[in-house]
Amino acid sequence: MNLSTPDLVGTAAAICSMTSFTPQIVKIWRERDASSVSLRMYVVTVTGFALWIAYGALTQSWPIVASNGVCLVLSGVILALKWRFRDG
């Protein structure tokens, strides 16, 4: 399988985007504390990923749908942990 330069760049970008949420998830889970996580930021992030998925589906760009689907799930996990470990 020969990947072109744009395919390699896109693949690297997708891998970086998808793995970028993992350290935050691990930190929140270990510390049982999500107080430093910005709720507004993650609401906007989740909304953005949902819109990227819609865009990918509308343009039939399945790599966009798949990579943003993974990012949506991971950022959704952070939102769920923010809710679970909320103060009060």
PDB file of N, CA and C in Angstrom:
ATOM      1  N   MET A   1       0.838  -1.175   0.000  1.00  0.00           N
ATOM      2  CA  MET A   1       0.000   0.000   0.000  1.00  0.00           C
ATOM      3  C   MET A   1       0.882   1.236   0.000  1.00  0.00           C
ATOM      4  N   ASN A   2       0.770   2.042  -1.034  1.00  0.00           N
ATOM      5  CA  ASN A   2       1.519   3.283  -1.152  1.00  0.00           C
ATOM      6  C   ASN A   2       0.672   4.454  -0.698  1.00  0.00           C
ATOM      7  N   LEU A   3       1.131   5.113   0.336  1.00  0.00           N
ATOM      8  CA  LEU A   3       0.428   6.308   0.808  1.00  0.00           C
ATOM      9  C   LEU A   3       1.119   7.537   0.240  1.00  0.00           C
ATOM     10  N   SER A   4       0.336   8.452  -0.256  1.00  0.00           N
ATOM     11  CA  SER A   4       0.878   9.708  -0.758  1.00  0.00           C
ATOM     12  C   SER A   4       1.253  10.608   0.418  1.00  0.00           C
ATOM     13  N   THR A   5       1.975  11.666   0.127  1.00  0.00           N
ATOM     14  CA  THR A   5       2.348  12.617   1.177  1.00  0.00           C
ATOM     15  C   THR A   5       1.120  13.193   1.880  1.00  0.00           C
ATOM     16  N   PRO A   6       0.083  13.621   1.140  1.00  0.00           N
ATOM     17  CA  PRO A   6      -1.112  14.109   1.851  1.00  0.00           C
ATOM     18  C   PRO A   6      -1.759  13.032   2.728  1.00  0.00           C
ATOM     19  N   ASP A   7      -1.753  11.778   2.273  1.00  0.00           N
ATOM     20  CA  ASP A   7      -2.303  10.693   3.086  1.00  0.00           C
ATOM     21  C   ASP A   7      -1.477  10.485   4.352  1.00  0.00           C
ATOM     22  N   LEU A   8      -0.161  10.560   4.233  1.00  0.00           N
ATOM     23  CA  LEU A   8       0.707  10.401   5.403  1.00  0.00           C
ATOM     24  C   LEU A   8       0.495  11.542   6.399  1.00  0.00           C
ATOM     25  N   VAL A   9       0.400  12.756   5.887  1.00  0.00           N
ATOM     26  CA  VAL A   9       0.163  13.917   6.770  1.00  0.00           C
ATOM     27  C   VAL A   9      -1.197  13.789   7.439  1.00  0.00           C
ATOM     28  N   GLY A  10      -2.216  13.428   6.678  1.00  0.00           N
ATOM     29  CA  GLY A  10      -3.555  13.255   7.241  1.00  0.00           C
ATOM     30  C   GLY A  10      -3.610  12.155   8.286  1.00  0.00           C
ATOM     31  N   THR A  11      -2.916  11.055   8.022  1.00  0.00           N
ATOM     32  CA  THR A  11      -2.869   9.955   8.982  1.00  0.00           C
ATOM     33  C   THR A  11      -2.169  10.386  10.266  1.00  0.00           C
ATOM     34  N   ALA A  12      -1.043  11.075  10.123  1.00  0.00           N
ATOM     35  CA  ALA A  12      -0.320  11.570  11.311  1.00  0.00           C
ATOM     36  C   ALA A  12      -1.184  12.545  12.102  1.00  0.00           C
ATOM     37  N   ALA A  13      -1.879  13.439  11.393  1.00  0.00           N
ATOM     38  CA  ALA A  13      -2.750  14.399  12.076  1.00  0.00           C
ATOM     39  C   ALA A  13      -3.873  13.692  12.826  1.00  0.00           C
ATOM     40  N   ALA A  14      -4.473  12.700  12.198  1.00  0.00           N
ATOM     41  CA  ALA A  14      -5.564  11.955  12.835  1.00  0.00           C
ATOM     42  C   ALA A  14      -5.063  11.224  14.075  1.00  0.00           C
ATOM     43  N   ILE A  15      -3.900  10.595  13.978  1.00  0.00           N
ATOM     44  CA  ILE A  15      -3.342   9.871  15.132  1.00  0.00           C
ATOM     45  C   ILE A  15      -3.048  10.841  16.272  1.00  0.00           C
ATOM     46  N   CYS A  16      -2.457  11.989  15.954  1.00  0.00           N
ATOM     47  CA  CYS A  16      -2.178  12.984  16.998  1.00  0.00           C
ATOM     48  C   CYS A  16      -3.471  13.478  17.647  1.00  0.00           C
ATOM     49  N   SER A  17      -4.456  13.781  16.833  1.00  0.00           N
ATOM     50  CA  SER A  17      -5.737  14.265  17.369  1.00  0.00           C
ATOM     51  C   SER A  17      -6.398  13.220  18.254  1.00  0.00           C
ATOM     52  N   MET A  18      -6.395  11.971  17.788  1.00  0.00           N
ATOM     53  CA  MET A  18      -7.072  10.913  18.536  1.00  0.00           C
ATOM     54  C   MET A  18      -6.365  10.594  19.851  1.00  0.00           C
ATOM     55  N   THR A  19      -5.042  10.646  19.860  1.00  0.00           N
ATOM     56  CA  THR A  19      -4.316  10.298  21.087  1.00  0.00           C
ATOM     57  C   THR A  19      -4.171  11.473  22.049  1.00  0.00           C
ATOM     58  N   SER A  20      -4.462  12.683  21.590  1.00  0.00           N
ATOM     59  CA  SER A  20      -4.246  13.853  22.446  1.00  0.00           C
ATOM     60  C   SER A  20      -5.138  13.870  23.684  1.00  0.00           C
ATOM     61  N   PHE A  21      -6.249  13.175  23.645  1.00  0.00           N
ATOM     62  CA  PHE A  21      -7.174  13.177  24.777  1.00  0.00           C
ATOM     63  C   PHE A  21      -6.792  12.160  25.860  1.00  0.00           C
ATOM     64  N   THR A  22      -6.003  11.181  25.492  1.00  0.00           N
ATOM     65  CA  THR A  22      -5.682  10.085  26.409  1.00  0.00           C
ATOM     66  C   THR A  22      -4.994  10.557  27.691  1.00  0.00           C
ATOM     67  N   PRO A  23      -3.964  11.401  27.622  1.00  0.00           N
ATOM     68  CA  PRO A  23      -3.327  11.839  28.878  1.00  0.00           C
ATOM     69  C   PRO A  23      -4.301  12.542  29.830  1.00  0.00           C
ATOM     70  N   GLN A  24      -5.214  13.335  29.280  1.00  0.00           N
ATOM     71  CA  GLN A  24      -6.196  14.032  30.129  1.00  0.00           C
ATOM     72  C   GLN A  24      -7.129  13.030  30.800  1.00  0.00           C
ATOM     73  N   ILE A  25      -7.579  12.038  30.045  1.00  0.00           N
ATOM     74  CA  ILE A  25      -8.465  11.012  30.604  1.00  0.00           C
ATOM     75  C   ILE A  25      -7.759  10.263  31.725  1.00  0.00           C
ATOM     76  N   VAL A  26      -6.517   9.857  31.483  1.00  0.00           N
ATOM     77  CA  VAL A  26      -5.750   9.118  32.497  1.00  0.00           C
ATOM     78  C   VAL A  26      -5.552   9.971  33.744  1.00  0.00           C
ATOM     79  N   LYS A  27      -5.197  11.242  33.555  1.00  0.00           N
ATOM     80  CA  LYS A  27      -4.974  12.141  34.694  1.00  0.00           C
ATOM     81  C   LYS A  27      -6.250  12.305  35.527  1.00  0.00           C
ATOM     82  N   ILE A  28      -7.369  12.550  34.859  1.00  0.00           N
ATOM     83  CA  ILE A  28      -8.629  12.718  35.587  1.00  0.00           C
ATOM     84  C   ILE A  28      -8.980  11.445  36.337  1.00  0.00           C
ATOM     85  N   TRP A  29      -8.836  10.307  35.691  1.00  0.00           N
ATOM     86  CA  TRP A  29      -9.203   9.034  36.313  1.00  0.00           C
ATOM     87  C   TRP A  29      -8.324   8.732  37.520  1.00  0.00           C
ATOM     88  N   ARG A  30      -7.019   8.923  37.382  1.00  0.00           N
ATOM     89  CA  ARG A  30      -6.085   8.643  38.490  1.00  0.00           C
ATOM     90  C   ARG A  30      -6.333   9.555  39.690  1.00  0.00           C
ATOM     91  N   GLU A  31      -6.538  10.837  39.406  1.00  0.00           N
ATOM     92  CA  GLU A  31      -6.691  11.819  40.481  1.00  0.00           C
ATOM     93  C   GLU A  31      -8.123  11.952  40.975  1.00  0.00           C
ATOM     94  N   ARG A  32      -9.065  11.363  40.231  1.00  0.00           N
ATOM     95  CA  ARG A  32     -10.491  11.478  40.571  1.00  0.00           C
ATOM     96  C   ARG A  32     -10.891  12.940  40.737  1.00  0.00           C
ATOM     97  N   ASP A  33     -10.295  13.780  39.860  1.00  0.00           N
ATOM     98  CA  ASP A  33     -10.518  15.215  39.937  1.00  0.00           C
ATOM     99  C   ASP A  33     -10.524  15.793  38.529  1.00  0.00           C
ATOM    100  N   ALA A  34     -11.597  16.454  38.171  1.00  0.00           N
ATOM    101  CA  ALA A  34     -11.707  17.099  36.861  1.00  0.00           C
ATOM    102  C   ALA A  34     -11.942  18.595  37.009  1.00  0.00           C
ATOM    103  N   SER A  35     -11.610  19.139  38.167  1.00  0.00           N
ATOM    104  CA  SER A  35     -11.891  20.557  38.405  1.00  0.00           C
ATOM    105  C   SER A  35     -11.090  21.473  37.483  1.00  0.00           C
ATOM    106  N   SER A  36      -9.941  21.012  37.003  1.00  0.00           N
ATOM    107  CA  SER A  36      -9.128  21.857  36.127  1.00  0.00           C
ATOM    108  C   SER A  36      -9.573  21.789  34.665  1.00  0.00           C
ATOM    109  N   VAL A  37     -10.542  20.940  34.372  1.00  0.00           N
ATOM    110  CA  VAL A  37     -11.040  20.804  33.005  1.00  0.00           C
ATOM    111  C   VAL A  37     -12.098  21.868  32.754  1.00  0.00           C
ATOM    112  N   SER A  38     -11.952  22.558  31.639  1.00  0.00           N
ATOM    113  CA  SER A  38     -12.914  23.589  31.271  1.00  0.00           C
ATOM    114  C   SER A  38     -14.146  22.942  30.634  1.00  0.00           C
ATOM    115  N   LEU A  39     -15.271  23.056  31.318  1.00  0.00           N
ATOM    116  CA  LEU A  39     -16.511  22.500  30.803  1.00  0.00           C
ATOM    117  C   LEU A  39     -16.887  23.144  29.475  1.00  0.00           C
ATOM    118  N   ARG A  40     -16.790  24.452  29.405  1.00  0.00           N
ATOM    119  CA  ARG A  40     -17.151  25.163  28.170  1.00  0.00           C
ATOM    120  C   ARG A  40     -16.274  24.721  26.996  1.00  0.00           C
ATOM    121  N   MET A  41     -14.993  24.575  27.258  1.00  0.00           N
ATOM    122  CA  MET A  41     -14.075  24.180  26.192  1.00  0.00           C
ATOM    123  C   MET A  41     -14.450  22.809  25.647  1.00  0.00           C
ATOM    124  N   TYR A  42     -14.745  21.856  26.532  1.00  0.00           N
ATOM    125  CA  TYR A  42     -15.065  20.508  26.060  1.00  0.00           C
ATOM    126  C   TYR A  42     -16.452  20.435  25.426  1.00  0.00           C
ATOM    127  N   VAL A  43     -17.373  21.269  25.847  1.00  0.00           N
ATOM    128  CA  VAL A  43     -18.674  21.328  25.172  1.00  0.00           C
ATOM    129  C   VAL A  43     -18.477  21.819  23.735  1.00  0.00           C
ATOM    130  N   VAL A  44     -17.650  22.846  23.568  1.00  0.00           N
ATOM    131  CA  VAL A  44     -17.360  23.353  22.225  1.00  0.00           C
ATOM    132  C   VAL A  44     -16.602  22.303  21.415  1.00  0.00           C
ATOM    133  N   THR A  45     -15.649  21.630  22.034  1.00  0.00           N
ATOM    134  CA  THR A  45     -14.880  20.596  21.346  1.00  0.00           C
ATOM    135  C   THR A  45     -15.769  19.458  20.874  1.00  0.00           C
ATOM    136  N   VAL A  46     -16.646  18.969  21.745  1.00  0.00           N
ATOM    137  CA  VAL A  46     -17.568  17.890  21.377  1.00  0.00           C
ATOM    138  C   VAL A  46     -18.485  18.354  20.244  1.00  0.00           C
ATOM    139  N   THR A  47     -18.971  19.567  20.330  1.00  0.00           N
ATOM    140  CA  THR A  47     -19.820  20.112  19.261  1.00  0.00           C
ATOM    141  C   THR A  47     -19.043  20.173  17.943  1.00  0.00           C
ATOM    142  N   GLY A  48     -17.814  20.627  18.007  1.00  0.00           N
ATOM    143  CA  GLY A  48     -16.979  20.700  16.814  1.00  0.00           C
ATOM    144  C   GLY A  48     -16.772  19.334  16.173  1.00  0.00           C
ATOM    145  N   PHE A  49     -16.492  18.322  16.996  1.00  0.00           N
ATOM    146  CA  PHE A  49     -16.302  16.981  16.443  1.00  0.00           C
ATOM    147  C   PHE A  49     -17.591  16.447  15.830  1.00  0.00           C
ATOM    148  N   ALA A  50     -18.715  16.726  16.459  1.00  0.00           N
ATOM    149  CA  ALA A  50     -19.998  16.294  15.893  1.00  0.00           C
ATOM    150  C   ALA A  50     -20.226  16.956  14.534  1.00  0.00           C
ATOM    151  N   LEU A  51     -19.870  18.234  14.423  1.00  0.00           N
ATOM    152  CA  LEU A  51     -20.016  18.930  13.153  1.00  0.00           C
ATOM    153  C   LEU A  51     -19.053  18.392  12.093  1.00  0.00           C
ATOM    154  N   TRP A  52     -17.821  18.051  12.485  1.00  0.00           N
ATOM    155  CA  TRP A  52     -16.877  17.443  11.550  1.00  0.00           C
ATOM    156  C   TRP A  52     -17.394  16.100  11.047  1.00  0.00           C
ATOM    157  N   ILE A  53     -18.010  15.343  11.935  1.00  0.00           N
ATOM    158  CA  ILE A  53     -18.593  14.059  11.519  1.00  0.00           C
ATOM    159  C   ILE A  53     -19.702  14.297  10.503  1.00  0.00           C
ATOM    160  N   ALA A  54     -20.552  15.279  10.760  1.00  0.00           N
ATOM    161  CA  ALA A  54     -21.620  15.612   9.813  1.00  0.00           C
ATOM    162  C   ALA A  54     -21.025  16.047   8.473  1.00  0.00           C
ATOM    163  N   TYR A  55     -20.009  16.875   8.510  1.00  0.00           N
ATOM    164  CA  TYR A  55     -19.338  17.311   7.287  1.00  0.00           C
ATOM    165  C   TYR A  55     -18.760  16.116   6.531  1.00  0.00           C
ATOM    166  N   GLY A  56     -18.063  15.248   7.250  1.00  0.00           N
ATOM    167  CA  GLY A  56     -17.481  14.072   6.624  1.00  0.00           C
ATOM    168  C   GLY A  56     -18.528  13.176   5.992  1.00  0.00           C
ATOM    169  N   ALA A  57     -19.651  13.022   6.662  1.00  0.00           N
ATOM    170  CA  ALA A  57     -20.729  12.197   6.117  1.00  0.00           C
ATOM    171  C   ALA A  57     -21.326  12.860   4.877  1.00  0.00           C
ATOM    172  N   LEU A  58     -21.539  14.162   4.938  1.00  0.00           N
ATOM    173  CA  LEU A  58     -22.120  14.880   3.800  1.00  0.00           C
ATOM    174  C   LEU A  58     -21.212  14.858   2.573  1.00  0.00           C
ATOM    175  N   THR A  59     -19.904  14.871   2.806  1.00  0.00           N
ATOM    176  CA  THR A  59     -18.943  14.855   1.699  1.00  0.00           C
ATOM    177  C   THR A  59     -18.427  13.454   1.410  1.00  0.00           C
ATOM    178  N   GLN A  60     -18.939  12.482   2.141  1.00  0.00           N
ATOM    179  CA  GLN A  60     -18.540  11.075   2.024  1.00  0.00           C
ATOM    180  C   GLN A  60     -17.035  10.894   2.217  1.00  0.00           C
ATOM    181  N   SER A  61     -16.491  11.618   3.170  1.00  0.00           N
ATOM    182  CA  SER A  61     -15.089  11.498   3.529  1.00  0.00           C
ATOM    183  C   SER A  61     -15.003  10.650   4.795  1.00  0.00           C
ATOM    184  N   TRP A  62     -14.948   9.357   4.606  1.00  0.00           N
ATOM    185  CA  TRP A  62     -15.030   8.444   5.743  1.00  0.00           C
ATOM    186  C   TRP A  62     -13.822   8.516   6.680  1.00  0.00           C
ATOM    187  N   PRO A  63     -12.623   8.866   6.206  1.00  0.00           N
ATOM    188  CA  PRO A  63     -11.533   9.085   7.170  1.00  0.00           C
ATOM    189  C   PRO A  63     -11.835  10.245   8.125  1.00  0.00           C
ATOM    190  N   ILE A  64     -12.494  11.295   7.628  1.00  0.00           N
ATOM    191  CA  ILE A  64     -12.898  12.420   8.488  1.00  0.00           C
ATOM    192  C   ILE A  64     -13.919  11.937   9.515  1.00  0.00           C
ATOM    193  N   VAL A  65     -14.879  11.147   9.054  1.00  0.00           N
ATOM    194  CA  VAL A  65     -15.916  10.619   9.956  1.00  0.00           C
ATOM    195  C   VAL A  65     -15.280   9.741  11.022  1.00  0.00           C
ATOM    196  N   ALA A  66     -14.404   8.821  10.614  1.00  0.00           N
ATOM    197  CA  ALA A  66     -13.819   7.863  11.561  1.00  0.00           C
ATOM    198  C   ALA A  66     -12.923   8.546  12.594  1.00  0.00           C
ATOM    199  N   SER A  67     -12.002   9.388  12.139  1.00  0.00           N
ATOM    200  CA  SER A  67     -11.075  10.010  13.093  1.00  0.00           C
ATOM    201  C   SER A  67     -11.801  10.964  14.032  1.00  0.00           C
ATOM    202  N   ASN A  68     -12.754  11.708  13.511  1.00  0.00           N
ATOM    203  CA  ASN A  68     -13.505  12.612  14.378  1.00  0.00           C
ATOM    204  C   ASN A  68     -14.485  11.865  15.267  1.00  0.00           C
ATOM    205  N   GLY A  69     -14.931  10.694  14.833  1.00  0.00           N
ATOM    206  CA  GLY A  69     -15.764   9.849  15.687  1.00  0.00           C
ATOM    207  C   GLY A  69     -14.994   9.393  16.914  1.00  0.00           C
ATOM    208  N   VAL A  70     -13.738   8.982  16.702  1.00  0.00           N
ATOM    209  CA  VAL A  70     -12.890   8.584  17.833  1.00  0.00           C
ATOM    210  C   VAL A  70     -12.662   9.775  18.757  1.00  0.00           C
ATOM    211  N   CYS A  71     -12.354  10.926  18.175  1.00  0.00           N
ATOM    212  CA  CYS A  71     -12.137  12.131  18.991  1.00  0.00           C
ATOM    213  C   CYS A  71     -13.396  12.534  19.751  1.00  0.00           C
ATOM    214  N   LEU A  72     -14.550  12.370  19.118  1.00  0.00           N
ATOM    215  CA  LEU A  72     -15.815  12.681  19.789  1.00  0.00           C
ATOM    216  C   LEU A  72     -16.013  11.783  21.005  1.00  0.00           C
ATOM    217  N   VAL A  73     -15.751  10.508  20.843  1.00  0.00           N
ATOM    218  CA  VAL A  73     -15.905   9.573  21.962  1.00  0.00           C
ATOM    219  C   VAL A  73     -14.943   9.940  23.091  1.00  0.00           C
ATOM    220  N   LEU A  74     -13.681  10.182  22.763  1.00  0.00           N
ATOM    221  CA  LEU A  74     -12.693  10.485  23.801  1.00  0.00           C
ATOM    222  C   LEU A  74     -12.988  11.810  24.504  1.00  0.00           C
ATOM    223  N   SER A  75     -13.362  12.835  23.759  1.00  0.00           N
ATOM    224  CA  SER A  75     -13.699  14.102  24.415  1.00  0.00           C
ATOM    225  C   SER A  75     -15.012  13.964  25.187  1.00  0.00           C
ATOM    226  N   GLY A  76     -15.901  13.104  24.718  1.00  0.00           N
ATOM    227  CA  GLY A  76     -17.124  12.808  25.468  1.00  0.00           C
ATOM    228  C   GLY A  76     -16.824  12.113  26.783  1.00  0.00           C
ATOM    229  N   VAL A  77     -15.809  11.248  26.779  1.00  0.00           N
ATOM    230  CA  VAL A  77     -15.382  10.590  28.022  1.00  0.00           C
ATOM    231  C   VAL A  77     -14.902  11.639  29.020  1.00  0.00           C
ATOM    232  N   ILE A  78     -14.142  12.610  28.543  1.00  0.00           N
ATOM    233  CA  ILE A  78     -13.676  13.678  29.439  1.00  0.00           C
ATOM    234  C   ILE A  78     -14.855  14.456  30.010  1.00  0.00           C
ATOM    235  N   LEU A  79     -15.839  14.747  29.186  1.00  0.00           N
ATOM    236  CA  LEU A  79     -17.042  15.430  29.697  1.00  0.00           C
ATOM    237  C   LEU A  79     -17.756  14.567  30.737  1.00  0.00           C
ATOM    238  N   ALA A  80     -17.854  13.273  30.478  1.00  0.00           N
ATOM    239  CA  ALA A  80     -18.513  12.374  31.435  1.00  0.00           C
ATOM    240  C   ALA A  80     -17.735  12.320  32.746  1.00  0.00           C
ATOM    241  N   LEU A  81     -16.407  12.300  32.658  1.00  0.00           N
ATOM    242  CA  LEU A  81     -15.596  12.299  33.877  1.00  0.00           C
ATOM    243  C   LEU A  81     -15.721  13.625  34.618  1.00  0.00           C
ATOM    244  N   LYS A  82     -15.826  14.714  33.872  1.00  0.00           N
ATOM    245  CA  LYS A  82     -16.049  16.021  34.499  1.00  0.00           C
ATOM    246  C   LYS A  82     -17.346  15.985  35.300  1.00  0.00           C
ATOM    247  N   TRP A  83     -18.377  15.385  34.758  1.00  0.00           N
ATOM    248  CA  TRP A  83     -19.667  15.248  35.449  1.00  0.00           C
ATOM    249  C   TRP A  83     -19.528  14.311  36.660  1.00  0.00           C
ATOM    250  N   ARG A  84     -18.855  13.183  36.443  1.00  0.00           N
ATOM    251  CA  ARG A  84     -18.735  12.180  37.519  1.00  0.00           C
ATOM    252  C   ARG A  84     -17.948  12.705  38.708  1.00  0.00           C
ATOM    253  N   PHE A  85     -16.876  13.410  38.458  1.00  0.00           N
ATOM    254  CA  PHE A  85     -16.007  13.876  39.538  1.00  0.00           C
ATOM    255  C   PHE A  85     -16.223  15.344  39.871  1.00  0.00           C
ATOM    256  N   ARG A  86     -17.426  15.835  39.608  1.00  0.00           N
ATOM    257  CA  ARG A  86     -17.741  17.231  39.902  1.00  0.00           C
ATOM    258  C   ARG A  86     -17.734  17.463  41.413  1.00  0.00           C
ATOM    259  N   ASP A  87     -17.501  18.696  41.758  1.00  0.00           N
ATOM    260  CA  ASP A  87     -17.521  19.070  43.190  1.00  0.00           C
ATOM    261  C   ASP A  87     -18.947  19.084  43.694  1.00  0.00           C
ATOM    262  N   GLY A  88     -19.085  18.792  44.938  1.00  0.00           N
ATOM    263  CA  GLY A  88     -20.395  18.949  45.529  1.00  0.00           C
ATOM    264  C   GLY A  88     -21.004  17.687  45.903  1.00  0.00           C
TER     265      GLY A  88
END
